[in-house]
Amino acid sequence: MIAIQKKAALRIRKLLGLMIFLSLLISTLAAEKNEEKAGLLGPWKATTELSYVVASGNTSTSTFSLGINFTRKWAKDTLTLKSFILRSSATTVKRRAEGTETDFEIIEESTKELVAENYLLSGQYDRNFSKKLRGQLGASWERNKFSGIDRRYMLIGGLGYSWIDTKQTQVKIDAGITCTSRKYIGQDADSFAGFRFNLFAEQKISDKSSISSQFIFDDNLKDIQDWRYDWTNSIAASISRSLALKASYRILHTNAPAMTNLPLYDPEGQPTGLTVPFVLKKLDTFFTTSIVINF
């Protein structure tokens, strides 16, 4: 099992490394073109959000997140590719003194542990039927081990409607049917049809700043109580045409969360070799500040 997990982690690192390389390559090519071309030869546009925080001293923590979006538009079609990585680790230091009261040595033992991990790959194709109405097809893969999700594949097909679409304000809604294959850690895989609703709104405060909100609701049609939502609110301020600062608050709520097995100890604190089921929390929140690079 450990060998399989190592191989899976290695494949993920290679895939993410390839995506970062492609992002830099495509972004460089796009930056070299001063004029956009119409039609099939139109250029890709790329946006990268990068955040990295390190704390050291008596405690040591590090958090890294990277989001890369590619978009290509034709006359009536739009193709969007997205990826997201979040990893957070903490180092715990245990100290003890060995020797006598007047002659002793400090012994330190450090243990580094991954405390948060989230990966997402997705793609979506949009076809405009009119100025406001569009059709959509999409696919995604997600892993969030600390929420108990070993893998989740999703296919979606639906319709979108641009309620408000001006230079200052955008309000868009999408709705569709999903097909999901999901595997919680330590459990068998499950497949089901579902329903998705997506609301996106963005308002420009000034020429260089804006606020946005995206609310995504997913429901399992095989088990109506198995619903979840992903709600992100952001504020961004441009530094230049290519750079911006962004702060986001993300809420992930799962009404029927995954379960995990906890080791069982006896009343004296000794391991029994048994495990008991434990339901994970329904709510996860993320607050990030990042730099946004537009290519």
C-alpha atoms as a PDB file:
ATOM      1  CA  MET A   1       0.000   0.000   0.000  1.00  0.00           C
ATOM      2  CA  ILE A   2       2.837   2.419   0.854  1.00  0.00           C
ATOM      3  CA  ALA A   3       4.571   1.656  -2.450  1.00  0.00           C
ATOM      4  CA  ILE A   4       1.337   2.348  -4.362  1.00  0.00           C
ATOM      5  CA  GLN A   5       0.858   5.666  -2.563  1.00  0.00           C
ATOM      6  CA  LYS A   6       4.461   6.669  -3.344  1.00  0.00           C
ATOM      7  CA  LYS A   7       3.994   5.839  -7.019  1.00  0.00           C
ATOM      8  CA  ALA A   8       0.726   7.811  -7.119  1.00  0.00           C
ATOM      9  CA  ALA A   9       2.399  10.797  -5.452  1.00  0.00           C
ATOM     10  CA  LEU A  10       5.278  10.599  -7.940  1.00  0.00           C
ATOM     11  CA  ARG A  11       2.839  10.571 -10.882  1.00  0.00           C
ATOM     12  CA  ILE A  12       1.016  13.589  -9.451  1.00  0.00           C
ATOM     13  CA  ARG A  13       4.291  15.509  -9.023  1.00  0.00           C
ATOM     14  CA  LYS A  14       5.307  14.726 -12.605  1.00  0.00           C
ATOM     15  CA  LEU A  15       1.891  15.826 -13.916  1.00  0.00           C
ATOM     16  CA  LEU A  16       1.945  19.055 -11.933  1.00  0.00           C
ATOM     17  CA  GLY A  17       5.522  19.732 -13.042  1.00  0.00           C
ATOM     18  CA  LEU A  18       4.477  19.259 -16.657  1.00  0.00           C
ATOM     19  CA  MET A  19       1.522  21.631 -16.202  1.00  0.00           C
ATOM     20  CA  ILE A  20       3.767  24.320 -14.694  1.00  0.00           C
ATOM     21  CA  PHE A  21       6.225  23.919 -17.575  1.00  0.00           C
ATOM     22  CA  LEU A  22       3.431  24.197 -20.143  1.00  0.00           C
ATOM     23  CA  SER A  23       2.075  27.229 -18.316  1.00  0.00           C
ATOM     24  CA  LEU A  24       5.423  29.022 -18.529  1.00  0.00           C
ATOM     25  CA  LEU A  25       5.930  28.014 -22.164  1.00  0.00           C
ATOM     26  CA  ILE A  26       2.471  29.057 -23.340  1.00  0.00           C
ATOM     27  CA  SER A  27       2.606  32.241 -21.282  1.00  0.00           C
ATOM     28  CA  THR A  28       5.970  33.180 -22.850  1.00  0.00           C
ATOM     29  CA  LEU A  29       4.644  32.577 -26.354  1.00  0.00           C
ATOM     30  CA  ALA A  30       1.514  34.577 -25.618  1.00  0.00           C
ATOM     31  CA  ALA A  31       3.513  37.448 -24.135  1.00  0.00           C
ATOM     32  CA  GLU A  32       5.635  37.713 -27.295  1.00  0.00           C
ATOM     33  CA  LYS A  33       2.537  38.456 -29.412  1.00  0.00           C
ATOM     34  CA  ASN A  34       1.401  42.050 -29.303  1.00  0.00           C
ATOM     35  CA  GLU A  35      -1.748  41.513 -31.347  1.00  0.00           C
ATOM     36  CA  GLU A  36      -4.418  38.892 -30.835  1.00  0.00           C
ATOM     37  CA  LYS A  37      -5.560  36.815 -33.789  1.00  0.00           C
ATOM     38  CA  ALA A  38      -9.168  35.923 -34.380  1.00  0.00           C
ATOM     39  CA  GLY A  39     -10.647  32.511 -35.102  1.00  0.00           C
ATOM     40  CA  LEU A  40      -8.981  29.158 -34.721  1.00  0.00           C
ATOM     41  CA  LEU A  41      -5.469  30.626 -34.415  1.00  0.00           C
ATOM     42  CA  GLY A  42      -6.418  32.891 -31.546  1.00  0.00           C
ATOM     43  CA  PRO A  43      -3.907  32.817 -28.647  1.00  0.00           C
ATOM     44  CA  TRP A  44      -4.255  31.217 -25.274  1.00  0.00           C
ATOM     45  CA  LYS A  45      -4.521  33.427 -22.224  1.00  0.00           C
ATOM     46  CA  ALA A  46      -3.006  32.282 -18.936  1.00  0.00           C
ATOM     47  CA  THR A  47      -3.500  33.382 -15.335  1.00  0.00           C
ATOM     48  CA  THR A  48      -1.352  32.182 -12.446  1.00  0.00           C
ATOM     49  CA  GLU A  49      -2.101  32.660  -8.741  1.00  0.00           C
ATOM     50  CA  LEU A  50       0.839  31.978  -6.444  1.00  0.00           C
ATOM     51  CA  SER A  51       0.999  32.020  -2.651  1.00  0.00           C
ATOM     52  CA  TYR A  52       3.778  30.841  -0.323  1.00  0.00           C
ATOM     53  CA  VAL A  53       4.039  31.441   3.418  1.00  0.00           C
ATOM     54  CA  VAL A  54       6.858  30.245   5.695  1.00  0.00           C
ATOM     55  CA  ALA A  55       7.165  30.625   9.482  1.00  0.00           C
ATOM     56  CA  SER A  56      10.281  29.531  11.367  1.00  0.00           C
ATOM     57  CA  GLY A  57      11.799  29.803  14.832  1.00  0.00           C
ATOM     58  CA  ASN A  58      10.314  27.910  17.760  1.00  0.00           C
ATOM     59  CA  THR A  59       7.799  26.462  15.286  1.00  0.00           C
ATOM     60  CA  SER A  60       8.112  25.818  11.567  1.00  0.00           C
ATOM     61  CA  THR A  61       5.250  25.839   9.062  1.00  0.00           C
ATOM     62  CA  SER A  62       4.998  26.315   5.311  1.00  0.00           C
ATOM     63  CA  THR A  63       2.007  26.691   3.000  1.00  0.00           C
ATOM     64  CA  PHE A  64       2.173  26.669  -0.784  1.00  0.00           C
ATOM     65  CA  SER A  65      -0.667  27.147  -3.262  1.00  0.00           C
ATOM     66  CA  LEU A  66      -0.603  27.472  -7.018  1.00  0.00           C
ATOM     67  CA  GLY A  67      -3.488  27.952  -9.424  1.00  0.00           C
ATOM     68  CA  ILE A  68      -3.040  28.003 -13.212  1.00  0.00           C
ATOM     69  CA  ASN A  69      -5.845  28.789 -15.662  1.00  0.00           C
ATOM     70  CA  PHE A  70      -5.675  28.589 -19.466  1.00  0.00           C
ATOM     71  CA  THR A  71      -8.388  30.099 -21.663  1.00  0.00           C
ATOM     72  CA  ARG A  72      -8.812  30.061 -25.415  1.00  0.00           C
ATOM     73  CA  LYS A  73     -11.689  31.733 -27.237  1.00  0.00           C
ATOM     74  CA  TRP A  74     -13.068  31.328 -30.722  1.00  0.00           C
ATOM     75  CA  ALA A  75     -16.004  33.145 -32.318  1.00  0.00           C
ATOM     76  CA  LYS A  76     -18.618  31.145 -30.379  1.00  0.00           C
ATOM     77  CA  ASP A  77     -16.538  28.697 -28.350  1.00  0.00           C
ATOM     78  CA  THR A  78     -14.418  28.897 -25.200  1.00  0.00           C
ATOM     79  CA  LEU A  79     -12.068  26.267 -23.777  1.00  0.00           C
ATOM     80  CA  THR A  80     -10.922  26.618 -20.157  1.00  0.00           C
ATOM     81  CA  LEU A  81      -8.330  24.471 -18.374  1.00  0.00           C
ATOM     82  CA  LYS A  82      -7.715  24.841 -14.632  1.00  0.00           C
ATOM     83  CA  SER A  83      -5.341  23.353 -12.087  1.00  0.00           C
ATOM     84  CA  PHE A  84      -4.894  23.969  -8.370  1.00  0.00           C
ATOM     85  CA  ILE A  85      -2.390  22.758  -5.772  1.00  0.00           C
ATOM     86  CA  LEU A  86      -2.375  23.413  -2.040  1.00  0.00           C
ATOM     87  CA  ARG A  87       0.117  21.870   0.367  1.00  0.00           C
ATOM     88  CA  SER A  88       0.734  22.834   3.978  1.00  0.00           C
ATOM     89  CA  SER A  89       3.241  21.213   6.328  1.00  0.00           C
ATOM     90  CA  ALA A  90       4.209  21.744   9.951  1.00  0.00           C
ATOM     91  CA  THR A  91       7.357  20.743  11.810  1.00  0.00           C
ATOM     92  CA  THR A  92       6.958  19.685  15.428  1.00  0.00           C
ATOM     93  CA  VAL A  93      10.044  19.924  17.654  1.00  0.00           C
ATOM     94  CA  LYS A  94      10.267  17.849  20.838  1.00  0.00           C
ATOM     95  CA  ARG A  95      13.002  18.867  23.284  1.00  0.00           C
ATOM     96  CA  ARG A  96      14.388  17.156  26.342  1.00  0.00           C
ATOM     97  CA  ALA A  97      17.398  17.643  28.607  1.00  0.00           C
ATOM     98  CA  GLU A  98      19.800  14.821  29.429  1.00  0.00           C
ATOM     99  CA  GLY A  99      22.361  14.932  32.230  1.00  0.00           C
ATOM    100  CA  THR A 100      22.390  16.533  35.662  1.00  0.00           C
ATOM    101  CA  GLU A 101      20.943  19.820  36.911  1.00  0.00           C
ATOM    102  CA  THR A 102      24.291  21.585  36.380  1.00  0.00           C
ATOM    103  CA  ASP A 103      25.595  19.603  33.413  1.00  0.00           C
ATOM    104  CA  PHE A 104      23.050  18.703  30.771  1.00  0.00           C
ATOM    105  CA  GLU A 105      22.571  18.557  27.013  1.00  0.00           C
ATOM    106  CA  ILE A 106      19.510  19.621  25.044  1.00  0.00           C
ATOM    107  CA  ILE A 107      18.229  16.956  22.635  1.00  0.00           C
ATOM    108  CA  GLU A 108      15.861  17.993  19.843  1.00  0.00           C
ATOM    109  CA  GLU A 109      13.750  15.708  17.671  1.00  0.00           C
ATOM    110  CA  SER A 110      11.972  17.212  14.651  1.00  0.00           C
ATOM    111  CA  THR A 111       9.009  15.655  12.899  1.00  0.00           C
ATOM    112  CA  LYS A 112       7.697  17.145   9.659  1.00  0.00           C
ATOM    113  CA  GLU A 113       4.069  16.364   8.860  1.00  0.00           C
ATOM    114  CA  LEU A 114       1.768  17.260   5.990  1.00  0.00           C
ATOM    115  CA  VAL A 115      -1.332  18.907   7.465  1.00  0.00           C
ATOM    116  CA  ALA A 116      -3.230  19.976   4.322  1.00  0.00           C
ATOM    117  CA  GLU A 117      -3.244  18.731   0.741  1.00  0.00           C
ATOM    118  CA  ASN A 118      -5.590  19.532  -2.144  1.00  0.00           C
ATOM    119  CA  TYR A 119      -5.246  18.925  -5.902  1.00  0.00           C
ATOM    120  CA  LEU A 120      -7.644  19.807  -8.715  1.00  0.00           C
ATOM    121  CA  LEU A 121      -7.541  19.433 -12.504  1.00  0.00           C
ATOM    122  CA  SER A 122     -10.501  20.475 -14.646  1.00  0.00           C
ATOM    123  CA  GLY A 123     -11.485  21.409 -18.172  1.00  0.00           C
ATOM    124  CA  GLN A 124     -14.619  23.018 -19.584  1.00  0.00           C
ATOM    125  CA  TYR A 125     -15.909  23.713 -23.097  1.00  0.00           C
ATOM    126  CA  ASP A 126     -18.558  26.404 -23.649  1.00  0.00           C
ATOM    127  CA  ARG A 127     -20.598  26.949 -26.822  1.00  0.00           C
ATOM    128  CA  ASN A 128     -22.527  30.218 -27.172  1.00  0.00           C
ATOM    129  CA  PHE A 129     -26.025  29.755 -28.611  1.00  0.00           C
ATOM    130  CA  SER A 130     -26.812  33.448 -28.241  1.00  0.00           C
ATOM    131  CA  LYS A 131     -25.423  36.500 -26.480  1.00  0.00           C
ATOM    132  CA  LYS A 132     -26.691  35.238 -23.130  1.00  0.00           C
ATOM    133  CA  LEU A 133     -27.301  31.478 -23.461  1.00  0.00           C
ATOM    134  CA  ARG A 134     -24.555  28.853 -23.755  1.00  0.00           C
ATOM    135  CA  GLY A 135     -24.067  25.107 -23.503  1.00  0.00           C
ATOM    136  CA  GLN A 136     -21.349  23.472 -21.394  1.00  0.00           C
ATOM    137  CA  LEU A 137     -19.384  20.228 -21.173  1.00  0.00           C
ATOM    138  CA  GLY A 138     -16.750  19.661 -18.505  1.00  0.00           C
ATOM    139  CA  ALA A 139     -14.619  17.147 -16.641  1.00  0.00           C
ATOM    140  CA  SER A 140     -12.598  17.309 -13.415  1.00  0.00           C
ATOM    141  CA  TRP A 141     -10.404  15.285 -11.051  1.00  0.00           C
ATOM    142  CA  GLU A 142      -9.888  16.161  -7.373  1.00  0.00           C
ATOM    143  CA  ARG A 143      -7.961  14.816  -4.386  1.00  0.00           C
ATOM    144  CA  ASN A 144      -8.273  16.130  -0.830  1.00  0.00           C
ATOM    145  CA  LYS A 145      -6.962  13.532   1.609  1.00  0.00           C
ATOM    146  CA  PHE A 146      -7.524  15.603   4.729  1.00  0.00           C
ATOM    147  CA  SER A 147     -11.218  15.745   3.829  1.00  0.00           C
ATOM    148  CA  GLY A 148     -11.132  11.996   3.242  1.00  0.00           C
ATOM    149  CA  ILE A 149     -11.304  12.198  -0.586  1.00  0.00           C
ATOM    150  CA  ASP A 150      -8.843   9.863  -2.253  1.00  0.00           C
ATOM    151  CA  ARG A 151     -10.163  10.739  -5.715  1.00  0.00           C
ATOM    152  CA  ARG A 152     -13.261  12.241  -7.292  1.00  0.00           C
ATOM    153  CA  TYR A 153     -13.901  12.213 -11.045  1.00  0.00           C
ATOM    154  CA  MET A 154     -16.767  14.268 -12.424  1.00  0.00           C
ATOM    155  CA  LEU A 155     -18.366  14.805 -15.836  1.00  0.00           C
ATOM    156  CA  ILE A 156     -20.860  17.644 -16.305  1.00  0.00           C
ATOM    157  CA  GLY A 157     -23.177  18.814 -19.043  1.00  0.00           C
ATOM    158  CA  GLY A 158     -25.542  21.747 -18.789  1.00  0.00           C
ATOM    159  CA  LEU A 159     -26.540  25.272 -19.744  1.00  0.00           C
ATOM    160  CA  GLY A 160     -25.287  28.685 -18.710  1.00  0.00           C
ATOM    161  CA  TYR A 161     -26.945  32.096 -18.755  1.00  0.00           C
ATOM    162  CA  SER A 162     -25.247  35.504 -18.610  1.00  0.00           C
ATOM    163  CA  TRP A 163     -27.686  37.468 -16.492  1.00  0.00           C
ATOM    164  CA  ILE A 164     -25.609  40.678 -16.466  1.00  0.00           C
ATOM    165  CA  ASP A 165     -22.582  41.151 -18.720  1.00  0.00           C
ATOM    166  CA  THR A 166     -21.103  44.660 -18.729  1.00  0.00           C
ATOM    167  CA  LYS A 167     -17.617  46.078 -18.234  1.00  0.00           C
ATOM    168  CA  GLN A 168     -18.427  46.910 -14.615  1.00  0.00           C
ATOM    169  CA  THR A 169     -20.675  44.013 -13.582  1.00  0.00           C
ATOM    170  CA  GLN A 170     -20.905  40.337 -14.448  1.00  0.00           C
ATOM    171  CA  VAL A 171     -23.454  37.880 -13.106  1.00  0.00           C
ATOM    172  CA  LYS A 172     -23.558  34.373 -14.602  1.00  0.00           C
ATOM    173  CA  ILE A 173     -25.466  31.238 -13.622  1.00  0.00           C
ATOM    174  CA  ASP A 174     -24.935  27.628 -14.739  1.00  0.00           C
ATOM    175  CA  ALA A 175     -26.918  24.458 -14.087  1.00  0.00           C
ATOM    176  CA  GLY A 176     -26.370  20.916 -15.259  1.00  0.00           C
ATOM    177  CA  ILE A 177     -26.362  17.179 -14.650  1.00  0.00           C
ATOM    178  CA  THR A 178     -23.206  15.491 -13.349  1.00  0.00           C
ATOM    179  CA  CYS A 179     -21.829  11.968 -13.343  1.00  0.00           C
ATOM    180  CA  THR A 180     -19.458  11.339 -10.432  1.00  0.00           C
ATOM    181  CA  SER A 181     -17.096   8.537  -9.436  1.00  0.00           C
ATOM    182  CA  ARG A 182     -15.905   9.081  -5.867  1.00  0.00           C
ATOM    183  CA  LYS A 183     -13.661   7.125  -3.526  1.00  0.00           C
ATOM    184  CA  TYR A 184     -13.241   8.018   0.111  1.00  0.00           C
ATOM    185  CA  ILE A 185     -10.045   6.875   1.817  1.00  0.00           C
ATOM    186  CA  GLY A 186     -10.470   3.366   3.183  1.00  0.00           C
ATOM    187  CA  GLN A 187     -13.843   2.869   1.468  1.00  0.00           C
ATOM    188  CA  ASP A 188     -15.084   1.410  -1.794  1.00  0.00           C
ATOM    189  CA  ALA A 189     -15.615   3.649  -4.820  1.00  0.00           C
ATOM    190  CA  ASP A 190     -19.137   4.920  -5.477  1.00  0.00           C
ATOM    191  CA  SER A 191     -20.712   6.258  -8.682  1.00  0.00           C
ATOM    192  CA  PHE A 192     -23.838   8.391  -8.995  1.00  0.00           C
ATOM    193  CA  ALA A 193     -25.653  11.026 -11.044  1.00  0.00           C
ATOM    194  CA  GLY A 194     -25.965  14.484  -9.580  1.00  0.00           C
ATOM    195  CA  PHE A 195     -27.054  18.087 -10.044  1.00  0.00           C
ATOM    196  CA  ARG A 196     -24.807  21.167 -10.090  1.00  0.00           C
ATOM    197  CA  PHE A 197     -25.650  24.856  -9.781  1.00  0.00           C
ATOM    198  CA  ASN A 198     -23.019  27.560 -10.195  1.00  0.00           C
ATOM    199  CA  LEU A 199     -23.366  31.293  -9.551  1.00  0.00           C
ATOM    200  CA  PHE A 200     -20.551  33.720 -10.412  1.00  0.00           C
ATOM    201  CA  ALA A 201     -20.634  37.475  -9.787  1.00  0.00           C
ATOM    202  CA  GLU A 202     -17.959  40.127 -10.236  1.00  0.00           C
ATOM    203  CA  GLN A 203     -18.161  43.858  -9.613  1.00  0.00           C
ATOM    204  CA  LYS A 204     -15.482  46.418 -10.411  1.00  0.00           C
ATOM    205  CA  ILE A 205     -14.973  48.881  -7.579  1.00  0.00           C
ATOM    206  CA  SER A 206     -12.580  51.042  -9.575  1.00  0.00           C
ATOM    207  CA  ASP A 207     -10.361  50.773 -12.636  1.00  0.00           C
ATOM    208  CA  LYS A 208      -7.817  48.787 -10.638  1.00  0.00           C
ATOM    209  CA  SER A 209      -9.865  46.825  -8.088  1.00  0.00           C
ATOM    210  CA  SER A 210     -12.779  44.397  -8.076  1.00  0.00           C
ATOM    211  CA  ILE A 211     -14.658  41.966  -5.872  1.00  0.00           C
ATOM    212  CA  SER A 212     -16.002  38.570  -6.932  1.00  0.00           C
ATOM    213  CA  SER A 213     -17.974  35.660  -5.535  1.00  0.00           C
ATOM    214  CA  GLN A 214     -18.485  32.128  -6.821  1.00  0.00           C
ATOM    215  CA  PHE A 215     -20.925  29.647  -5.312  1.00  0.00           C
ATOM    216  CA  ILE A 216     -20.987  26.025  -6.528  1.00  0.00           C
ATOM    217  CA  PHE A 217     -23.617  23.593  -5.241  1.00  0.00           C
ATOM    218  CA  ASP A 218     -23.480  19.841  -5.941  1.00  0.00           C
ATOM    219  CA  ASP A 219     -26.090  17.266  -4.976  1.00  0.00           C
ATOM    220  CA  ASN A 220     -26.099  13.469  -5.203  1.00  0.00           C
ATOM    221  CA  LEU A 221     -29.375  12.443  -6.843  1.00  0.00           C
ATOM    222  CA  LYS A 222     -28.992   8.918  -5.446  1.00  0.00           C
ATOM    223  CA  ASP A 223     -28.824  10.319  -1.901  1.00  0.00           C
ATOM    224  CA  ILE A 224     -30.345  13.803  -1.614  1.00  0.00           C
ATOM    225  CA  GLN A 225     -28.702  14.377   1.793  1.00  0.00           C
ATOM    226  CA  ASP A 226     -25.263  13.951   0.215  1.00  0.00           C
ATOM    227  CA  TRP A 227     -24.866  17.568  -0.927  1.00  0.00           C
ATOM    228  CA  ARG A 228     -21.978  20.002  -0.724  1.00  0.00           C
ATOM    229  CA  TYR A 229     -21.058  23.543  -1.702  1.00  0.00           C
ATOM    230  CA  ASP A 230     -17.871  25.447  -2.539  1.00  0.00           C
ATOM    231  CA  TRP A 231     -18.099  29.215  -1.912  1.00  0.00           C
ATOM    232  CA  THR A 232     -15.213  31.591  -2.664  1.00  0.00           C
ATOM    233  CA  ASN A 233     -15.198  35.362  -2.111  1.00  0.00           C
ATOM    234  CA  SER A 234     -12.286  37.432  -3.393  1.00  0.00           C
ATOM    235  CA  ILE A 235     -11.009  40.986  -3.682  1.00  0.00           C
ATOM    236  CA  ALA A 236      -8.286  41.915  -6.173  1.00  0.00           C
ATOM    237  CA  ALA A 237      -6.225  45.042  -6.804  1.00  0.00           C
ATOM    238  CA  SER A 238      -4.129  45.529  -9.926  1.00  0.00           C
ATOM    239  CA  ILE A 239      -0.518  46.651  -9.655  1.00  0.00           C
ATOM    240  CA  SER A 240       0.066  46.735 -13.399  1.00  0.00           C
ATOM    241  CA  ARG A 241      -1.436  45.218 -16.538  1.00  0.00           C
ATOM    242  CA  SER A 242       0.185  41.868 -15.706  1.00  0.00           C
ATOM    243  CA  LEU A 243       0.284  41.820 -11.892  1.00  0.00           C
ATOM    244  CA  ALA A 244      -2.364  41.987  -9.177  1.00  0.00           C
ATOM    245  CA  LEU A 245      -2.763  41.207  -5.501  1.00  0.00           C
ATOM    246  CA  LYS A 246      -5.675  39.012  -4.430  1.00  0.00           C
ATOM    247  CA  ALA A 247      -7.181  37.948  -1.116  1.00  0.00           C
ATOM    248  CA  SER A 248      -9.699  35.081  -1.012  1.00  0.00           C
ATOM    249  CA  TYR A 249     -11.820  33.335   1.575  1.00  0.00           C
ATOM    250  CA  ARG A 250     -13.051  29.864   0.568  1.00  0.00           C
ATOM    251  CA  ILE A 251     -15.647  27.726   2.348  1.00  0.00           C
ATOM    252  CA  LEU A 252     -16.072  24.019   1.618  1.00  0.00           C
ATOM    253  CA  HIS A 253     -19.111  22.415   3.240  1.00  0.00           C
ATOM    254  CA  THR A 254     -20.007  18.727   2.888  1.00  0.00           C
ATOM    255  CA  ASN A 255     -23.304  17.649   4.401  1.00  0.00           C
ATOM    256  CA  ALA A 256     -22.340  13.949   4.379  1.00  0.00           C
ATOM    257  CA  PRO A 257     -18.572  13.974   5.057  1.00  0.00           C
ATOM    258  CA  ALA A 258     -16.202  11.050   4.763  1.00  0.00           C
ATOM    259  CA  MET A 259     -15.367   8.706   7.635  1.00  0.00           C
ATOM    260  CA  THR A 260     -11.961   7.627   8.895  1.00  0.00           C
ATOM    261  CA  ASN A 261     -10.731   4.927  11.267  1.00  0.00           C
ATOM    262  CA  LEU A 262      -9.017   5.945  14.502  1.00  0.00           C
ATOM    263  CA  PRO A 263      -6.718   3.666  16.519  1.00  0.00           C
ATOM    264  CA  LEU A 264      -8.326   2.483  19.769  1.00  0.00           C
ATOM    265  CA  TYR A 265      -6.436   2.685  23.091  1.00  0.00           C
ATOM    266  CA  ASP A 266      -7.431   1.126  26.390  1.00  0.00           C
ATOM    267  CA  PRO A 267      -8.145   3.268  29.515  1.00  0.00           C
ATOM    268  CA  GLU A 268      -4.449   3.005  30.475  1.00  0.00           C
ATOM    269  CA  GLY A 269      -3.342   4.482  27.150  1.00  0.00           C
ATOM    270  CA  GLN A 270      -2.068   1.247  25.612  1.00  0.00           C
ATOM    271  CA  PRO A 271      -2.881   0.432  21.931  1.00  0.00           C
ATOM    272  CA  THR A 272      -5.401  -2.359  21.408  1.00  0.00           C
ATOM    273  CA  GLY A 273      -4.698  -2.904  17.721  1.00  0.00           C
ATOM    274  CA  LEU A 274      -8.338  -2.048  16.931  1.00  0.00           C
ATOM    275  CA  THR A 275      -9.879   0.923  15.162  1.00  0.00           C
ATOM    276  CA  VAL A 276     -13.169   2.794  15.508  1.00  0.00           C
ATOM    277  CA  PRO A 277     -15.029   4.859  12.857  1.00  0.00           C
ATOM    278  CA  PHE A 278     -14.979   8.642  13.098  1.00  0.00           C
ATOM    279  CA  VAL A 279     -16.918  11.122  10.939  1.00  0.00           C
ATOM    280  CA  LEU A 280     -14.787  14.012   9.665  1.00  0.00           C
ATOM    281  CA  LYS A 281     -15.895  17.635  10.048  1.00  0.00           C
ATOM    282  CA  LYS A 282     -18.355  19.065   7.553  1.00  0.00           C
ATOM    283  CA  LEU A 283     -16.643  22.437   7.147  1.00  0.00           C
ATOM    284  CA  ASP A 284     -13.232  23.432   5.759  1.00  0.00           C
ATOM    285  CA  THR A 285     -12.150  27.054   5.314  1.00  0.00           C
ATOM    286  CA  PHE A 286      -9.187  28.619   3.523  1.00  0.00           C
ATOM    287  CA  PHE A 287      -7.923  32.205   3.620  1.00  0.00           C
ATOM    288  CA  THR A 288      -5.227  33.002   1.060  1.00  0.00           C
ATOM    289  CA  THR A 289      -3.391  36.073  -0.161  1.00  0.00           C
ATOM    290  CA  SER A 290      -1.681  35.641  -3.496  1.00  0.00           C
ATOM    291  CA  ILE A 291      -0.031  37.398  -6.375  1.00  0.00           C
ATOM    292  CA  VAL A 292      -1.813  37.064  -9.729  1.00  0.00           C
ATOM    293  CA  ILE A 293       0.175  37.022 -12.978  1.00  0.00           C
ATOM    294  CA  ASN A 294      -1.706  37.550 -16.246  1.00  0.00           C
ATOM    295  CA  PHE A 295      -0.108  36.506 -19.524  1.00  0.00           C
END
